[in-house]
PDB file of all heavy atoms in Angstrom:
ATOM      1  N   ASP A   1      -9.697 -11.582   9.478  1.00  0.00           N
ATOM      2  CA  ASP A   1      -8.467 -11.961  10.216  1.00  0.00           C
ATOM      3  C   ASP A   1      -7.915 -10.740  10.963  1.00  0.00           C
ATOM      4  O   ASP A   1      -7.230  -9.903  10.396  1.00  0.00           O
ATOM      5  CB  ASP A   1      -7.402 -12.492   9.251  1.00  0.00           C
ATOM      6  CG  ASP A   1      -6.238 -13.114   9.996  1.00  0.00           C
ATOM      7  OD1 ASP A   1      -6.012 -12.811  11.167  1.00  0.00           O
ATOM      8  OD2 ASP A   1      -5.508 -13.914   9.352  1.00  0.00           O
ATOM      9  N   ALA A   2      -8.188 -10.691  12.233  1.00  0.00           N
ATOM     10  CA  ALA A   2      -7.816  -9.547  13.069  1.00  0.00           C
ATOM     11  C   ALA A   2      -6.296  -9.457  13.290  1.00  0.00           C
ATOM     12  O   ALA A   2      -5.800  -8.438  13.794  1.00  0.00           O
ATOM     13  CB  ALA A   2      -8.525  -9.573  14.403  1.00  0.00           C
ATOM     14  N   THR A   3      -5.550 -10.501  12.924  1.00  0.00           N
ATOM     15  CA  THR A   3      -4.107 -10.506  13.140  1.00  0.00           C
ATOM     16  C   THR A   3      -3.373  -9.831  11.984  1.00  0.00           C
ATOM     17  O   THR A   3      -2.129  -9.681  12.073  1.00  0.00           O
ATOM     18  CB  THR A   3      -3.589 -11.948  13.326  1.00  0.00           C
ATOM     19  OG1 THR A   3      -3.709 -12.649  12.074  1.00  0.00           O
ATOM     20  CG2 THR A   3      -4.313 -12.660  14.417  1.00  0.00           C
ATOM     21  N   LEU A   4      -4.044  -9.456  10.926  1.00  0.00           N
ATOM     22  CA  LEU A   4      -3.371  -8.827   9.805  1.00  0.00           C
ATOM     23  C   LEU A   4      -2.801  -7.476  10.185  1.00  0.00           C
ATOM     24  O   LEU A   4      -3.497  -6.589  10.717  1.00  0.00           O
ATOM     25  CB  LEU A   4      -4.360  -8.634   8.628  1.00  0.00           C
ATOM     26  CG  LEU A   4      -3.826  -7.931   7.383  1.00  0.00           C
ATOM     27  CD1 LEU A   4      -2.682  -8.686   6.760  1.00  0.00           C
ATOM     28  CD2 LEU A   4      -4.975  -7.710   6.367  1.00  0.00           C
ATOM     29  N   ALA A   5      -1.519  -7.267   9.914  1.00  0.00           N
ATOM     30  CA  ALA A   5      -0.820  -6.048  10.264  1.00  0.00           C
ATOM     31  C   ALA A   5      -0.636  -5.174   9.020  1.00  0.00           C
ATOM     32  O   ALA A   5      -0.204  -5.645   7.979  1.00  0.00           O
ATOM     33  CB  ALA A   5       0.527  -6.350  10.917  1.00  0.00           C
ATOM     34  N   TYR A   6      -0.996  -3.889   9.146  1.00  0.00           N
ATOM     35  CA  TYR A   6      -0.768  -2.888   8.078  1.00  0.00           C
ATOM     36  C   TYR A   6      -0.763  -1.531   8.713  1.00  0.00           C
ATOM     37  O   TYR A   6      -1.065  -1.359   9.901  1.00  0.00           O
ATOM     38  CB  TYR A   6      -1.821  -3.020   7.006  1.00  0.00           C
ATOM     39  CG  TYR A   6      -3.248  -2.644   7.428  1.00  0.00           C
ATOM     40  CD1 TYR A   6      -3.857  -1.519   7.000  1.00  0.00           C
ATOM     41  CD2 TYR A   6      -3.983  -3.515   8.254  1.00  0.00           C
ATOM     42  CE1 TYR A   6      -5.140  -1.215   7.344  1.00  0.00           C
ATOM     43  CE2 TYR A   6      -5.256  -3.214   8.635  1.00  0.00           C
ATOM     44  CZ  TYR A   6      -5.847  -2.043   8.173  1.00  0.00           C
ATOM     45  OH  TYR A   6      -7.146  -1.730   8.558  1.00  0.00           O
ATOM     46  N   ARG A   7      -0.408  -0.500   7.912  1.00  0.00           N
ATOM     47  CA  ARG A   7      -0.339   0.866   8.429  1.00  0.00           C
ATOM     48  C   ARG A   7      -1.266   1.780   7.639  1.00  0.00           C
ATOM     49  O   ARG A   7      -1.383   1.667   6.439  1.00  0.00           O
ATOM     50  CB  ARG A   7       1.091   1.405   8.317  1.00  0.00           C
ATOM     51  CG  ARG A   7       2.129   0.652   9.168  1.00  0.00           C
ATOM     52  CD  ARG A   7       3.526   1.189   8.891  1.00  0.00           C
ATOM     53  NE  ARG A   7       3.677   2.566   9.225  1.00  0.00           N
ATOM     54  CZ  ARG A   7       4.166   3.497   8.435  1.00  0.00           C
ATOM     55  NH1 ARG A   7       4.569   3.199   7.205  1.00  0.00           N
ATOM     56  NH2 ARG A   7       4.282   4.732   8.860  1.00  0.00           N
ATOM     57  N   TYR A   8      -1.889   2.732   8.361  1.00  0.00           N
ATOM     58  CA  TYR A   8      -2.598   3.820   7.724  1.00  0.00           C
ATOM     59  C   TYR A   8      -2.896   4.862   8.793  1.00  0.00           C
ATOM     60  O   TYR A   8      -2.857   4.561  10.000  1.00  0.00           O
ATOM     61  CB  TYR A   8      -3.881   3.336   7.079  1.00  0.00           C
ATOM     62  CG  TYR A   8      -5.022   3.044   8.010  1.00  0.00           C
ATOM     63  CD1 TYR A   8      -5.985   4.057   8.272  1.00  0.00           C
ATOM     64  CD2 TYR A   8      -5.162   1.806   8.630  1.00  0.00           C
ATOM     65  CE1 TYR A   8      -7.007   3.788   9.173  1.00  0.00           C
ATOM     66  CE2 TYR A   8      -6.227   1.568   9.487  1.00  0.00           C
ATOM     67  CZ  TYR A   8      -7.146   2.558   9.737  1.00  0.00           C
ATOM     68  OH  TYR A   8      -8.164   2.337  10.613  1.00  0.00           O
ATOM     69  N   ALA A   9      -3.209   6.038   8.355  1.00  0.00           N
ATOM     70  CA  ALA A   9      -3.530   7.097   9.335  1.00  0.00           C
ATOM     71  C   ALA A   9      -4.710   7.938   8.809  1.00  0.00           C
ATOM     72  O   ALA A   9      -5.843   7.766   9.219  1.00  0.00           O
ATOM     73  CB  ALA A   9      -2.332   7.978   9.649  1.00  0.00           C
ATOM     74  N   CYS A  10      -4.407   8.800   7.800  1.00  0.00           N
ATOM     75  CA  CYS A  10      -5.425   9.800   7.442  1.00  0.00           C
ATOM     76  C   CYS A  10      -6.552   9.271   6.552  1.00  0.00           C
ATOM     77  O   CYS A  10      -7.656   9.783   6.586  1.00  0.00           O
ATOM     78  CB  CYS A  10      -4.744  10.991   6.750  1.00  0.00           C
ATOM     79  SG  CYS A  10      -4.153  10.617   5.071  1.00  0.00           S
ATOM     80  N   ARG A  11      -6.285   8.306   5.689  1.00  0.00           N
ATOM     81  CA  ARG A  11      -7.238   7.724   4.765  1.00  0.00           C
ATOM     82  C   ARG A  11      -7.662   8.648   3.631  1.00  0.00           C
ATOM     83  O   ARG A  11      -8.511   8.327   2.802  1.00  0.00           O
ATOM     84  CB  ARG A  11      -8.517   7.244   5.464  1.00  0.00           C
ATOM     85  CG  ARG A  11      -8.271   6.133   6.489  1.00  0.00           C
ATOM     86  CD  ARG A  11      -9.606   5.777   7.135  1.00  0.00           C
ATOM     87  NE  ARG A  11     -10.498   5.178   6.162  1.00  0.00           N
ATOM     88  CZ  ARG A  11     -10.876   3.907   6.163  1.00  0.00           C
ATOM     89  NH1 ARG A  11     -10.445   3.100   7.125  1.00  0.00           N
ATOM     90  NH2 ARG A  11     -11.695   3.454   5.246  1.00  0.00           N
ATOM     91  N   VAL A  12      -7.033   9.825   3.516  1.00  0.00           N
ATOM     92  CA  VAL A  12      -7.446  10.804   2.475  1.00  0.00           C
ATOM     93  C   VAL A  12      -6.278  11.305   1.619  1.00  0.00           C
ATOM     94  O   VAL A  12      -6.331  12.358   1.045  1.00  0.00           O
ATOM     95  CB  VAL A  12      -8.174  12.011   3.111  1.00  0.00           C
ATOM     96  CG1 VAL A  12      -9.506  11.601   3.666  1.00  0.00           C
ATOM     97  CG2 VAL A  12      -7.335  12.697   4.188  1.00  0.00           C
ATOM     98  N   GLY A  13      -5.196  10.524   1.554  1.00  0.00           N
ATOM     99  CA  GLY A  13      -4.093  10.894   0.681  1.00  0.00           C
ATOM    100  C   GLY A  13      -3.267  12.025   1.188  1.00  0.00           C
ATOM    101  O   GLY A  13      -2.651  12.759   0.358  1.00  0.00           O
ATOM    102  N   MET A  14      -3.146  12.209   2.471  1.00  0.00           N
ATOM    103  CA  MET A  14      -2.335  13.316   3.025  1.00  0.00           C
ATOM    104  C   MET A  14      -1.035  12.809   3.691  1.00  0.00           C
ATOM    105  O   MET A  14      -0.038  13.495   3.677  1.00  0.00           O
ATOM    106  CB  MET A  14      -3.149  14.105   4.059  1.00  0.00           C
ATOM    107  CG  MET A  14      -4.323  14.835   3.478  1.00  0.00           C
ATOM    108  SD  MET A  14      -3.839  16.141   2.328  1.00  0.00           S
ATOM    109  CE  MET A  14      -3.113  17.306   3.469  1.00  0.00           C
ATOM    110  N   CYS A  15      -1.043  11.632   4.343  1.00  0.00           N
ATOM    111  CA  CYS A  15       0.088  11.209   5.122  1.00  0.00           C
ATOM    112  C   CYS A  15       0.952  10.203   4.428  1.00  0.00           C
ATOM    113  O   CYS A  15       2.185  10.126   4.671  1.00  0.00           O
ATOM    114  CB  CYS A  15      -0.370  10.608   6.445  1.00  0.00           C
ATOM    115  SG  CYS A  15      -1.224   9.026   6.297  1.00  0.00           S
ATOM    116  N   GLY A  16       0.432   9.395   3.504  1.00  0.00           N
ATOM    117  CA  GLY A  16       1.237   8.404   2.776  1.00  0.00           C
ATOM    118  C   GLY A  16       1.602   7.164   3.542  1.00  0.00           C
ATOM    119  O   GLY A  16       2.323   6.302   3.056  1.00  0.00           O
ATOM    120  N   SER A  17       1.057   7.008   4.762  1.00  0.00           N
ATOM    121  CA  SER A  17       1.454   5.887   5.602  1.00  0.00           C
ATOM    122  C   SER A  17       0.849   4.555   5.136  1.00  0.00           C
ATOM    123  O   SER A  17       1.281   3.506   5.599  1.00  0.00           O
ATOM    124  CB  SER A  17       1.060   6.142   7.064  1.00  0.00           C
ATOM    125  OG  SER A  17      -0.347   6.246   7.191  1.00  0.00           O
ATOM    126  N   CYS A  18      -0.135   4.594   4.247  1.00  0.00           N
ATOM    127  CA  CYS A  18      -0.816   3.366   3.827  1.00  0.00           C
ATOM    128  C   CYS A  18      -0.154   2.729   2.587  1.00  0.00           C
ATOM    129  O   CYS A  18      -0.730   1.842   1.974  1.00  0.00           O
ATOM    130  CB  CYS A  18      -2.280   3.630   3.538  1.00  0.00           C
ATOM    131  SG  CYS A  18      -2.541   4.715   2.092  1.00  0.00           S
ATOM    132  N   ALA A  19       1.034   3.167   2.231  1.00  0.00           N
ATOM    133  CA  ALA A  19       1.658   2.681   1.013  1.00  0.00           C
ATOM    134  C   ALA A  19       1.965   1.203   1.076  1.00  0.00           C
ATOM    135  O   ALA A  19       2.401   0.679   2.088  1.00  0.00           O
ATOM    136  CB  ALA A  19       2.974   3.451   0.745  1.00  0.00           C
ATOM    137  N   MET A  20       1.648   0.481  -0.007  1.00  0.00           N
ATOM    138  CA  MET A  20       1.921  -0.935  -0.188  1.00  0.00           C
ATOM    139  C   MET A  20       2.216  -1.160  -1.658  1.00  0.00           C
ATOM    140  O   MET A  20       2.079  -0.300  -2.490  1.00  0.00           O
ATOM    141  CB  MET A  20       0.687  -1.794   0.241  1.00  0.00           C
ATOM    142  CG  MET A  20       0.186  -1.564   1.598  1.00  0.00           C
ATOM    143  SD  MET A  20      -1.371  -2.485   1.873  1.00  0.00           S
ATOM    144  CE  MET A  20      -1.996  -1.656   3.302  1.00  0.00           C
ATOM    145  N   VAL A  21       2.598  -2.395  -1.945  1.00  0.00           N
ATOM    146  CA  VAL A  21       2.791  -2.810  -3.338  1.00  0.00           C
ATOM    147  C   VAL A  21       1.523  -3.567  -3.794  1.00  0.00           C
ATOM    148  O   VAL A  21       1.169  -4.563  -3.208  1.00  0.00           O
ATOM    149  CB  VAL A  21       4.028  -3.725  -3.490  1.00  0.00           C
ATOM    150  CG1 VAL A  21       4.157  -4.227  -4.945  1.00  0.00           C
ATOM    151  CG2 VAL A  21       5.298  -2.940  -3.123  1.00  0.00           C
ATOM    152  N   VAL A  22       0.859  -2.976  -4.768  1.00  0.00           N
ATOM    153  CA  VAL A  22      -0.422  -3.502  -5.238  1.00  0.00           C
ATOM    154  C   VAL A  22      -0.257  -4.017  -6.677  1.00  0.00           C
ATOM    155  O   VAL A  22       0.060  -3.260  -7.612  1.00  0.00           O
ATOM    156  CB  VAL A  22      -1.525  -2.398  -5.243  1.00  0.00           C
ATOM    157  CG1 VAL A  22      -2.866  -2.980  -5.672  1.00  0.00           C
ATOM    158  CG2 VAL A  22      -1.644  -1.809  -3.839  1.00  0.00           C
ATOM    159  N   ASN A  23      -0.381  -5.331  -6.819  1.00  0.00           N
ATOM    160  CA  ASN A  23      -0.138  -5.974  -8.137  1.00  0.00           C
ATOM    161  C   ASN A  23       1.142  -5.492  -8.747  1.00  0.00           C
ATOM    162  O   ASN A  23       1.233  -5.138  -9.968  1.00  0.00           O
ATOM    163  CB  ASN A  23      -1.328  -5.671  -9.072  1.00  0.00           C
ATOM    164  CG  ASN A  23      -2.523  -6.565  -8.747  1.00  0.00           C
ATOM    165  OD1 ASN A  23      -2.466  -7.470  -7.923  1.00  0.00           O
ATOM    166  ND2 ASN A  23      -3.656  -6.319  -9.408  1.00  0.00           N
ATOM    167  N   GLY A  24       2.188  -5.484  -7.938  1.00  0.00           N
ATOM    168  CA  GLY A  24       3.542  -5.168  -8.409  1.00  0.00           C
ATOM    169  C   GLY A  24       3.906  -3.718  -8.450  1.00  0.00           C
ATOM    170  O   GLY A  24       5.044  -3.382  -8.792  1.00  0.00           O
ATOM    171  N   ARG A  25       2.958  -2.813  -8.130  1.00  0.00           N
ATOM    172  CA  ARG A  25       3.212  -1.374  -8.202  1.00  0.00           C
ATOM    173  C   ARG A  25       3.074  -0.717  -6.840  1.00  0.00           C
ATOM    174  O   ARG A  25       2.050  -0.902  -6.148  1.00  0.00           O
ATOM    175  CB  ARG A  25       2.240  -0.679  -9.162  1.00  0.00           C
ATOM    176  CG  ARG A  25       2.328  -1.162 -10.597  1.00  0.00           C
ATOM    177  CD  ARG A  25       1.223  -0.598 -11.445  1.00  0.00           C
ATOM    178  NE  ARG A  25       1.295   0.848 -11.547  1.00  0.00           N
ATOM    179  CZ  ARG A  25       1.959   1.493 -12.493  1.00  0.00           C
ATOM    180  NH1 ARG A  25       2.576   0.801 -13.438  1.00  0.00           N
ATOM    181  NH2 ARG A  25       1.985   2.814 -12.545  1.00  0.00           N
ATOM    182  N   PRO A  26       4.101   0.023  -6.352  1.00  0.00           N
ATOM    183  CA  PRO A  26       3.941   0.729  -5.071  1.00  0.00           C
ATOM    184  C   PRO A  26       2.927   1.845  -5.199  1.00  0.00           C
ATOM    185  O   PRO A  26       2.981   2.647  -6.147  1.00  0.00           O
ATOM    186  CB  PRO A  26       5.324   1.253  -4.787  1.00  0.00           C
ATOM    187  CG  PRO A  26       5.985   1.368  -6.127  1.00  0.00           C
ATOM    188  CD  PRO A  26       5.403   0.280  -6.984  1.00  0.00           C
TER     189      PRO A  26
END
């Protein structure tokens, strides 16, 4: 589904932009 919106940048744990709530935990 190409319409899914989310954020990420570095992919290596440096920027923090990919944060989400995963099974109730941020």
